[in-house]
């Protein structure tokens, strides 16, 4: 968390939810993103970076991690000027820490060397269908359209780490070597897709931190994403009560 207009907005919103930041800095404000959505659903993002992409080794060394901590990383952080600092830090952590990466639209900005180092840490990765196809073409040279199942198989065969592929109205598939499958989507009247991928990641993290299986985690994530796309705005992830009430009509 930084200091400034955007940091104040974020701090106030988190405070209302009983969340505090473990890291504070006075070196600048937090960043922001302007999302533009065309009538056909095409999205354009204008992102302005802030202190959330200004990592240094001292800040990271001072971060006290509990055993079995889940660490979420986005492509925006990893593709930033301090992405190497983050990767160096991740490589210094013990194996009791679990990593979750959502590369998002910055996936093409991750170098081959960076990707190899990250995958050596065996993170769980979440990609949408387009990102999965881009990665498969980049990794294996495939130019034909492949099924999500084949993409997940190729990914696990190469890296040996769990993968979730989000396929919009088709649901999501997952593969972690021990189990694989498809989780159906929850029907939704789509009004705004902003935040759907991030909310899906949040659902996975919430479930895994509660000790749920990967299949159940993806089920929860599909439900959260369904709720989010049926509401306007990018900051509308549901509370437990809101999600329960929303899902009553499907259960």
C-alpha atoms as a PDB file:
ATOM      1  CA  UNK A   1       0.000   0.000   0.000  1.00  0.00           C
ATOM      2  CA  UNK A   2       1.285   3.439  -0.946  1.00  0.00           C
ATOM      3  CA  UNK A   3       0.289   7.002  -0.170  1.00  0.00           C
ATOM      4  CA  UNK A   4      -2.095   8.999  -2.352  1.00  0.00           C
ATOM      5  CA  UNK A   5      -5.619   9.215  -3.744  1.00  0.00           C
ATOM      6  CA  UNK A   6      -5.773   5.665  -5.085  1.00  0.00           C
ATOM      7  CA  UNK A   7      -4.083   4.157  -2.035  1.00  0.00           C
ATOM      8  CA  UNK A   8      -6.638   5.912   0.202  1.00  0.00           C
ATOM      9  CA  UNK A   9      -9.528   4.471  -1.822  1.00  0.00           C
ATOM     10  CA  UNK A  10      -8.079   0.948  -1.667  1.00  0.00           C
ATOM     11  CA  UNK A  11      -7.215   1.226   2.035  1.00  0.00           C
ATOM     12  CA  UNK A  12     -10.735   2.420   2.902  1.00  0.00           C
ATOM     13  CA  UNK A  13     -12.379  -0.359   0.869  1.00  0.00           C
ATOM     14  CA  UNK A  14     -10.192  -3.060   2.411  1.00  0.00           C
ATOM     15  CA  UNK A  15     -10.745  -1.648   5.897  1.00  0.00           C
ATOM     16  CA  UNK A  16     -14.504  -1.970   5.429  1.00  0.00           C
ATOM     17  CA  UNK A  17     -13.918  -5.683   4.780  1.00  0.00           C
ATOM     18  CA  UNK A  18     -11.611  -6.103   7.767  1.00  0.00           C
ATOM     19  CA  UNK A  19      -8.457  -6.419   5.637  1.00  0.00           C
ATOM     20  CA  UNK A  20      -5.152  -4.655   6.270  1.00  0.00           C
ATOM     21  CA  UNK A  21      -1.986  -4.590   4.179  1.00  0.00           C
ATOM     22  CA  UNK A  22       1.151  -6.234   5.572  1.00  0.00           C
ATOM     23  CA  UNK A  23       3.305  -3.850   3.537  1.00  0.00           C
ATOM     24  CA  UNK A  24       3.176  -0.068   3.609  1.00  0.00           C
ATOM     25  CA  UNK A  25       5.380   2.381   1.706  1.00  0.00           C
ATOM     26  CA  UNK A  26       5.616   6.138   1.226  1.00  0.00           C
ATOM     27  CA  UNK A  27       7.374   5.840  -2.150  1.00  0.00           C
ATOM     28  CA  UNK A  28       4.280   6.592  -4.228  1.00  0.00           C
ATOM     29  CA  UNK A  29       0.611   5.926  -4.883  1.00  0.00           C
ATOM     30  CA  UNK A  30      -1.043   2.690  -5.946  1.00  0.00           C
ATOM     31  CA  UNK A  31      -1.837   2.143  -9.600  1.00  0.00           C
ATOM     32  CA  UNK A  32      -5.188   2.004 -11.351  1.00  0.00           C
ATOM     33  CA  UNK A  33      -6.784   0.548 -14.462  1.00  0.00           C
ATOM     34  CA  UNK A  34      -9.367   2.012 -16.838  1.00  0.00           C
ATOM     35  CA  UNK A  35     -11.420  -0.700 -18.536  1.00  0.00           C
ATOM     36  CA  UNK A  36     -13.220   0.076 -21.796  1.00  0.00           C
ATOM     37  CA  UNK A  37     -15.880  -2.358 -23.024  1.00  0.00           C
ATOM     38  CA  UNK A  38     -17.269  -2.301 -26.573  1.00  0.00           C
ATOM     39  CA  UNK A  39     -20.912  -3.286 -27.297  1.00  0.00           C
ATOM     40  CA  UNK A  40     -19.690  -6.650 -28.651  1.00  0.00           C
ATOM     41  CA  UNK A  41     -17.814  -7.367 -25.427  1.00  0.00           C
ATOM     42  CA  UNK A  42     -14.325  -6.508 -26.704  1.00  0.00           C
ATOM     43  CA  UNK A  43     -12.299  -5.067 -23.821  1.00  0.00           C
ATOM     44  CA  UNK A  44      -9.410  -2.614 -23.706  1.00  0.00           C
ATOM     45  CA  UNK A  45      -7.424  -1.911 -20.538  1.00  0.00           C
ATOM     46  CA  UNK A  46      -5.405   1.212 -19.788  1.00  0.00           C
ATOM     47  CA  UNK A  47      -3.211   0.346 -16.808  1.00  0.00           C
ATOM     48  CA  UNK A  48      -1.150   2.830 -14.803  1.00  0.00           C
ATOM     49  CA  UNK A  49       1.419   1.163 -12.583  1.00  0.00           C
ATOM     50  CA  UNK A  50       1.996   2.134  -8.951  1.00  0.00           C
ATOM     51  CA  UNK A  51       3.816   0.918  -5.861  1.00  0.00           C
ATOM     52  CA  UNK A  52       2.322  -2.562  -6.311  1.00  0.00           C
ATOM     53  CA  UNK A  53       4.886  -2.987  -9.103  1.00  0.00           C
ATOM     54  CA  UNK A  54       7.835  -1.395  -7.293  1.00  0.00           C
ATOM     55  CA  UNK A  55       9.281  -4.355  -5.424  1.00  0.00           C
ATOM     56  CA  UNK A  56      12.721  -4.495  -3.859  1.00  0.00           C
ATOM     57  CA  UNK A  57      14.476  -7.313  -2.034  1.00  0.00           C
ATOM     58  CA  UNK A  58      14.403  -5.517   1.340  1.00  0.00           C
ATOM     59  CA  UNK A  59      10.604  -5.151   1.292  1.00  0.00           C
ATOM     60  CA  UNK A  60      10.189  -8.809   0.393  1.00  0.00           C
ATOM     61  CA  UNK A  61      12.678 -10.025   3.018  1.00  0.00           C
ATOM     62  CA  UNK A  62      10.674  -8.204   5.698  1.00  0.00           C
ATOM     63  CA  UNK A  63       7.443  -9.944   4.705  1.00  0.00           C
ATOM     64  CA  UNK A  64       6.752 -12.555   7.377  1.00  0.00           C
ATOM     65  CA  UNK A  65       5.124 -15.636   5.856  1.00  0.00           C
ATOM     66  CA  UNK A  66       3.292 -18.300   7.808  1.00  0.00           C
ATOM     67  CA  UNK A  67       3.676 -21.986   6.869  1.00  0.00           C
ATOM     68  CA  UNK A  68       1.386 -23.066   4.021  1.00  0.00           C
ATOM     69  CA  UNK A  69       0.966 -19.497   2.799  1.00  0.00           C
ATOM     70  CA  UNK A  70      -0.734 -19.049  -0.573  1.00  0.00           C
ATOM     71  CA  UNK A  71       1.005 -16.438  -2.731  1.00  0.00           C
ATOM     72  CA  UNK A  72      -0.948 -14.911  -5.621  1.00  0.00           C
ATOM     73  CA  UNK A  73       0.978 -13.322  -8.478  1.00  0.00           C
ATOM     74  CA  UNK A  74      -0.340 -11.542 -11.549  1.00  0.00           C
ATOM     75  CA  UNK A  75       1.302 -11.094 -14.925  1.00  0.00           C
ATOM     76  CA  UNK A  76       1.289  -7.345 -14.326  1.00  0.00           C
ATOM     77  CA  UNK A  77       3.716  -7.793 -11.424  1.00  0.00           C
ATOM     78  CA  UNK A  78       5.860 -10.430 -13.099  1.00  0.00           C
ATOM     79  CA  UNK A  79       6.158  -8.436 -16.348  1.00  0.00           C
ATOM     80  CA  UNK A  80       7.034  -5.210 -14.518  1.00  0.00           C
ATOM     81  CA  UNK A  81      10.532  -3.777 -14.232  1.00  0.00           C
ATOM     82  CA  UNK A  82      10.911  -5.522 -10.859  1.00  0.00           C
ATOM     83  CA  UNK A  83       9.634  -8.904 -12.027  1.00  0.00           C
ATOM     84  CA  UNK A  84      13.119 -10.390 -11.663  1.00  0.00           C
ATOM     85  CA  UNK A  85      13.212  -9.249  -8.027  1.00  0.00           C
ATOM     86  CA  UNK A  86       9.966 -11.120  -7.371  1.00  0.00           C
ATOM     87  CA  UNK A  87      11.217 -14.285  -9.044  1.00  0.00           C
ATOM     88  CA  UNK A  88      14.506 -14.160  -7.094  1.00  0.00           C
ATOM     89  CA  UNK A  89      12.480 -13.874  -3.874  1.00  0.00           C
ATOM     90  CA  UNK A  90      10.161 -16.740  -4.810  1.00  0.00           C
ATOM     91  CA  UNK A  91      13.162 -18.968  -5.469  1.00  0.00           C
ATOM     92  CA  UNK A  92      14.455 -18.210  -1.970  1.00  0.00           C
ATOM     93  CA  UNK A  93      11.288 -19.425  -0.217  1.00  0.00           C
ATOM     94  CA  UNK A  94      10.814 -22.851   1.280  1.00  0.00           C
ATOM     95  CA  UNK A  95       8.614 -25.505  -0.288  1.00  0.00           C
ATOM     96  CA  UNK A  96       5.849 -25.018   2.292  1.00  0.00           C
ATOM     97  CA  UNK A  97       4.653 -21.982   0.336  1.00  0.00           C
ATOM     98  CA  UNK A  98       2.151 -22.534  -2.482  1.00  0.00           C
ATOM     99  CA  UNK A  99       2.139 -20.265  -5.534  1.00  0.00           C
ATOM    100  CA  UNK A 100      -0.848 -19.288  -7.682  1.00  0.00           C
ATOM    101  CA  UNK A 101      -0.245 -17.322 -10.902  1.00  0.00           C
ATOM    102  CA  UNK A 102      -2.756 -15.625 -13.183  1.00  0.00           C
ATOM    103  CA  UNK A 103      -0.657 -14.221 -16.044  1.00  0.00           C
ATOM    104  CA  UNK A 104      -3.587 -12.419 -17.671  1.00  0.00           C
ATOM    105  CA  UNK A 105      -2.999 -10.228 -20.741  1.00  0.00           C
ATOM    106  CA  UNK A 106       0.697  -9.733 -19.866  1.00  0.00           C
ATOM    107  CA  UNK A 107       1.519 -13.377 -20.534  1.00  0.00           C
ATOM    108  CA  UNK A 108       3.296 -12.564 -23.790  1.00  0.00           C
ATOM    109  CA  UNK A 109       5.611 -10.184 -21.919  1.00  0.00           C
ATOM    110  CA  UNK A 110       7.031 -12.962 -19.731  1.00  0.00           C
ATOM    111  CA  UNK A 111      10.385 -14.085 -21.175  1.00  0.00           C
ATOM    112  CA  UNK A 112      11.224 -17.737 -21.827  1.00  0.00           C
ATOM    113  CA  UNK A 113      13.815 -17.641 -19.052  1.00  0.00           C
ATOM    114  CA  UNK A 114      11.382 -16.110 -16.562  1.00  0.00           C
ATOM    115  CA  UNK A 115       8.709 -18.647 -17.470  1.00  0.00           C
ATOM    116  CA  UNK A 116      11.131 -21.546 -16.993  1.00  0.00           C
ATOM    117  CA  UNK A 117      12.169 -20.257 -13.570  1.00  0.00           C
ATOM    118  CA  UNK A 118       8.555 -19.755 -12.492  1.00  0.00           C
ATOM    119  CA  UNK A 119       7.430 -23.190 -13.690  1.00  0.00           C
ATOM    120  CA  UNK A 120      10.343 -24.810 -11.819  1.00  0.00           C
ATOM    121  CA  UNK A 121       8.601 -23.597  -8.645  1.00  0.00           C
ATOM    122  CA  UNK A 122       5.535 -25.724  -9.545  1.00  0.00           C
ATOM    123  CA  UNK A 123       2.857 -23.025  -9.199  1.00  0.00           C
ATOM    124  CA  UNK A 124      -0.826 -23.502  -9.879  1.00  0.00           C
ATOM    125  CA  UNK A 125      -1.634 -21.479 -13.012  1.00  0.00           C
ATOM    126  CA  UNK A 126      -4.969 -20.095 -14.211  1.00  0.00           C
ATOM    127  CA  UNK A 127      -5.393 -19.110 -17.873  1.00  0.00           C
ATOM    128  CA  UNK A 128      -8.321 -18.251 -20.077  1.00  0.00           C
ATOM    129  CA  UNK A 129      -8.755 -20.140 -23.344  1.00  0.00           C
ATOM    130  CA  UNK A 130      -6.957 -17.526 -25.472  1.00  0.00           C
ATOM    131  CA  UNK A 131      -3.998 -17.361 -23.080  1.00  0.00           C
ATOM    132  CA  UNK A 132      -3.759 -21.163 -23.017  1.00  0.00           C
ATOM    133  CA  UNK A 133      -3.680 -21.295 -26.822  1.00  0.00           C
ATOM    134  CA  UNK A 134      -0.994 -18.588 -26.955  1.00  0.00           C
ATOM    135  CA  UNK A 135       1.139 -20.475 -24.456  1.00  0.00           C
ATOM    136  CA  UNK A 136       0.730 -23.797 -26.233  1.00  0.00           C
ATOM    137  CA  UNK A 137       1.707 -22.266 -29.577  1.00  0.00           C
ATOM    138  CA  UNK A 138       4.702 -20.630 -27.931  1.00  0.00           C
ATOM    139  CA  UNK A 139       5.786 -23.787 -26.101  1.00  0.00           C
ATOM    140  CA  UNK A 140       5.074 -26.565 -28.574  1.00  0.00           C
ATOM    141  CA  UNK A 141       4.691 -24.740 -31.884  1.00  0.00           C
ATOM    142  CA  UNK A 142       1.130 -26.000 -32.449  1.00  0.00           C
ATOM    143  CA  UNK A 143      -0.753 -23.811 -34.899  1.00  0.00           C
ATOM    144  CA  UNK A 144      -4.009 -25.790 -35.046  1.00  0.00           C
ATOM    145  CA  UNK A 145      -6.912 -25.226 -32.670  1.00  0.00           C
ATOM    146  CA  UNK A 146      -6.698 -27.678 -29.763  1.00  0.00           C
ATOM    147  CA  UNK A 147      -9.255 -28.631 -27.133  1.00  0.00           C
ATOM    148  CA  UNK A 148      -8.838 -27.303 -23.614  1.00  0.00           C
ATOM    149  CA  UNK A 149      -8.272 -30.898 -22.447  1.00  0.00           C
ATOM    150  CA  UNK A 150      -5.356 -31.292 -24.865  1.00  0.00           C
ATOM    151  CA  UNK A 151      -3.935 -27.918 -23.871  1.00  0.00           C
ATOM    152  CA  UNK A 152      -4.051 -28.931 -20.199  1.00  0.00           C
ATOM    153  CA  UNK A 153      -2.442 -32.304 -20.972  1.00  0.00           C
ATOM    154  CA  UNK A 154       0.364 -30.641 -22.921  1.00  0.00           C
ATOM    155  CA  UNK A 155       0.941 -28.147 -20.127  1.00  0.00           C
ATOM    156  CA  UNK A 156       1.133 -30.761 -17.390  1.00  0.00           C
ATOM    157  CA  UNK A 157       3.344 -33.040 -19.480  1.00  0.00           C
ATOM    158  CA  UNK A 158       5.822 -30.205 -19.973  1.00  0.00           C
ATOM    159  CA  UNK A 159       5.780 -28.495 -16.568  1.00  0.00           C
ATOM    160  CA  UNK A 160       4.245 -30.949 -14.110  1.00  0.00           C
ATOM    161  CA  UNK A 161       2.270 -28.210 -12.375  1.00  0.00           C
ATOM    162  CA  UNK A 162      -1.492 -27.704 -11.969  1.00  0.00           C
ATOM    163  CA  UNK A 163      -3.419 -25.749 -14.571  1.00  0.00           C
ATOM    164  CA  UNK A 164      -6.918 -24.287 -14.709  1.00  0.00           C
ATOM    165  CA  UNK A 165      -8.294 -23.183 -18.085  1.00  0.00           C
ATOM    166  CA  UNK A 166     -11.328 -20.903 -18.008  1.00  0.00           C
ATOM    167  CA  UNK A 167     -13.544 -21.358 -21.074  1.00  0.00           C
ATOM    168  CA  UNK A 168     -16.307 -18.807 -20.422  1.00  0.00           C
ATOM    169  CA  UNK A 169     -19.770 -20.314 -20.959  1.00  0.00           C
ATOM    170  CA  UNK A 170     -18.282 -23.809 -21.280  1.00  0.00           C
ATOM    171  CA  UNK A 171     -17.024 -23.706 -17.707  1.00  0.00           C
ATOM    172  CA  UNK A 172     -13.462 -24.555 -16.720  1.00  0.00           C
ATOM    173  CA  UNK A 173     -11.166 -27.550 -16.939  1.00  0.00           C
ATOM    174  CA  UNK A 174      -8.403 -28.455 -14.514  1.00  0.00           C
ATOM    175  CA  UNK A 175      -5.443 -30.862 -14.371  1.00  0.00           C
ATOM    176  CA  UNK A 176      -3.038 -31.410 -11.486  1.00  0.00           C
ATOM    177  CA  UNK A 177      -1.649 -34.833 -12.310  1.00  0.00           C
ATOM    178  CA  UNK A 178      -3.792 -36.584  -9.700  1.00  0.00           C
ATOM    179  CA  UNK A 179      -7.161 -35.446 -10.953  1.00  0.00           C
ATOM    180  CA  UNK A 180      -8.504 -33.720 -14.024  1.00  0.00           C
ATOM    181  CA  UNK A 181     -11.915 -32.820 -15.354  1.00  0.00           C
ATOM    182  CA  UNK A 182     -14.453 -30.193 -16.275  1.00  0.00           C
ATOM    183  CA  UNK A 183     -16.603 -28.064 -14.009  1.00  0.00           C
ATOM    184  CA  UNK A 184     -19.787 -26.813 -15.632  1.00  0.00           C
ATOM    185  CA  UNK A 185     -20.553 -23.093 -15.549  1.00  0.00           C
ATOM    186  CA  UNK A 186     -23.402 -21.577 -13.581  1.00  0.00           C
ATOM    187  CA  UNK A 187     -25.979 -19.936 -15.870  1.00  0.00           C
ATOM    188  CA  UNK A 188     -25.760 -16.160 -15.820  1.00  0.00           C
ATOM    189  CA  UNK A 189     -27.281 -13.137 -17.513  1.00  0.00           C
ATOM    190  CA  UNK A 190     -24.029 -11.468 -18.530  1.00  0.00           C
ATOM    191  CA  UNK A 191     -24.051  -7.685 -18.123  1.00  0.00           C
ATOM    192  CA  UNK A 192     -20.346  -6.915 -17.488  1.00  0.00           C
ATOM    193  CA  UNK A 193     -17.323  -9.224 -17.837  1.00  0.00           C
ATOM    194  CA  UNK A 194     -14.845  -6.890 -16.119  1.00  0.00           C
ATOM    195  CA  UNK A 195     -13.247  -8.665 -13.165  1.00  0.00           C
ATOM    196  CA  UNK A 196     -14.468 -12.147 -14.095  1.00  0.00           C
ATOM    197  CA  UNK A 197     -10.998 -13.676 -14.359  1.00  0.00           C
ATOM    198  CA  UNK A 198      -9.713 -12.001 -11.201  1.00  0.00           C
ATOM    199  CA  UNK A 199     -12.819 -13.084  -9.288  1.00  0.00           C
ATOM    200  CA  UNK A 200     -12.360 -16.647 -10.536  1.00  0.00           C
ATOM    201  CA  UNK A 201      -8.802 -16.578  -9.168  1.00  0.00           C
ATOM    202  CA  UNK A 202     -10.111 -15.233  -5.876  1.00  0.00           C
ATOM    203  CA  UNK A 203     -12.581 -18.108  -5.647  1.00  0.00           C
ATOM    204  CA  UNK A 204      -9.794 -20.645  -6.165  1.00  0.00           C
ATOM    205  CA  UNK A 205      -7.644 -19.025  -3.480  1.00  0.00           C
ATOM    206  CA  UNK A 206     -10.528 -18.845  -1.009  1.00  0.00           C
ATOM    207  CA  UNK A 207     -11.323 -22.528  -1.514  1.00  0.00           C
ATOM    208  CA  UNK A 208      -7.734 -23.752  -1.369  1.00  0.00           C
ATOM    209  CA  UNK A 209      -7.083 -21.760   1.805  1.00  0.00           C
ATOM    210  CA  UNK A 210     -10.094 -23.554   3.306  1.00  0.00           C
ATOM    211  CA  UNK A 211      -8.644 -26.964   2.447  1.00  0.00           C
ATOM    212  CA  UNK A 212     -10.981 -27.732  -0.466  1.00  0.00           C
ATOM    213  CA  UNK A 213     -10.047 -30.022  -3.343  1.00  0.00           C
ATOM    214  CA  UNK A 214      -9.117 -28.497  -6.697  1.00  0.00           C
ATOM    215  CA  UNK A 215     -12.407 -29.653  -8.244  1.00  0.00           C
ATOM    216  CA  UNK A 216     -14.417 -27.979  -5.472  1.00  0.00           C
ATOM    217  CA  UNK A 217     -12.219 -24.878  -5.740  1.00  0.00           C
ATOM    218  CA  UNK A 218     -12.997 -24.536  -9.450  1.00  0.00           C
ATOM    219  CA  UNK A 219     -16.700 -25.076  -8.728  1.00  0.00           C
ATOM    220  CA  UNK A 220     -16.677 -22.209  -6.229  1.00  0.00           C
ATOM    221  CA  UNK A 221     -14.722 -20.052  -8.680  1.00  0.00           C
ATOM    222  CA  UNK A 222     -17.244 -20.680 -11.450  1.00  0.00           C
ATOM    223  CA  UNK A 223     -19.998 -19.635  -9.073  1.00  0.00           C
ATOM    224  CA  UNK A 224     -18.196 -16.442  -8.042  1.00  0.00           C
ATOM    225  CA  UNK A 225     -17.402 -15.534 -11.659  1.00  0.00           C
ATOM    226  CA  UNK A 226     -21.029 -16.183 -12.629  1.00  0.00           C
ATOM    227  CA  UNK A 227     -22.169 -13.779  -9.919  1.00  0.00           C
ATOM    228  CA  UNK A 228     -19.660 -11.114 -10.963  1.00  0.00           C
ATOM    229  CA  UNK A 229     -20.522 -11.104 -14.692  1.00  0.00           C
ATOM    230  CA  UNK A 230     -24.206 -10.775 -13.817  1.00  0.00           C
ATOM    231  CA  UNK A 231     -23.495  -7.486 -11.981  1.00  0.00           C
ATOM    232  CA  UNK A 232     -22.078  -4.218 -13.259  1.00  0.00           C
ATOM    233  CA  UNK A 233     -18.678  -3.017 -12.113  1.00  0.00           C
ATOM    234  CA  UNK A 234     -15.331  -4.666 -11.503  1.00  0.00           C
ATOM    235  CA  UNK A 235     -15.568  -4.622  -7.705  1.00  0.00           C
ATOM    236  CA  UNK A 236     -18.629  -6.745  -7.012  1.00  0.00           C
ATOM    237  CA  UNK A 237     -17.342 -10.103  -5.750  1.00  0.00           C
ATOM    238  CA  UNK A 238     -20.042 -11.532  -3.479  1.00  0.00           C
ATOM    239  CA  UNK A 239     -20.034 -12.133   0.244  1.00  0.00           C
ATOM    240  CA  UNK A 240     -20.880 -15.640   1.454  1.00  0.00           C
ATOM    241  CA  UNK A 241     -24.483 -14.562   2.038  1.00  0.00           C
ATOM    242  CA  UNK A 242     -24.832 -12.895  -1.371  1.00  0.00           C
ATOM    243  CA  UNK A 243     -23.353 -15.895  -3.152  1.00  0.00           C
ATOM    244  CA  UNK A 244     -25.580 -18.333  -1.267  1.00  0.00           C
ATOM    245  CA  UNK A 245     -28.708 -16.347  -2.122  1.00  0.00           C
ATOM    246  CA  UNK A 246     -27.608 -16.088  -5.753  1.00  0.00           C
ATOM    247  CA  UNK A 247     -27.023 -19.835  -6.062  1.00  0.00           C
ATOM    248  CA  UNK A 248     -30.278 -20.887  -4.426  1.00  0.00           C
ATOM    249  CA  UNK A 249     -32.021 -20.765  -7.792  1.00  0.00           C
ATOM    250  CA  UNK A 250     -29.513 -23.247  -9.255  1.00  0.00           C
ATOM    251  CA  UNK A 251     -29.469 -25.765  -6.407  1.00  0.00           C
END
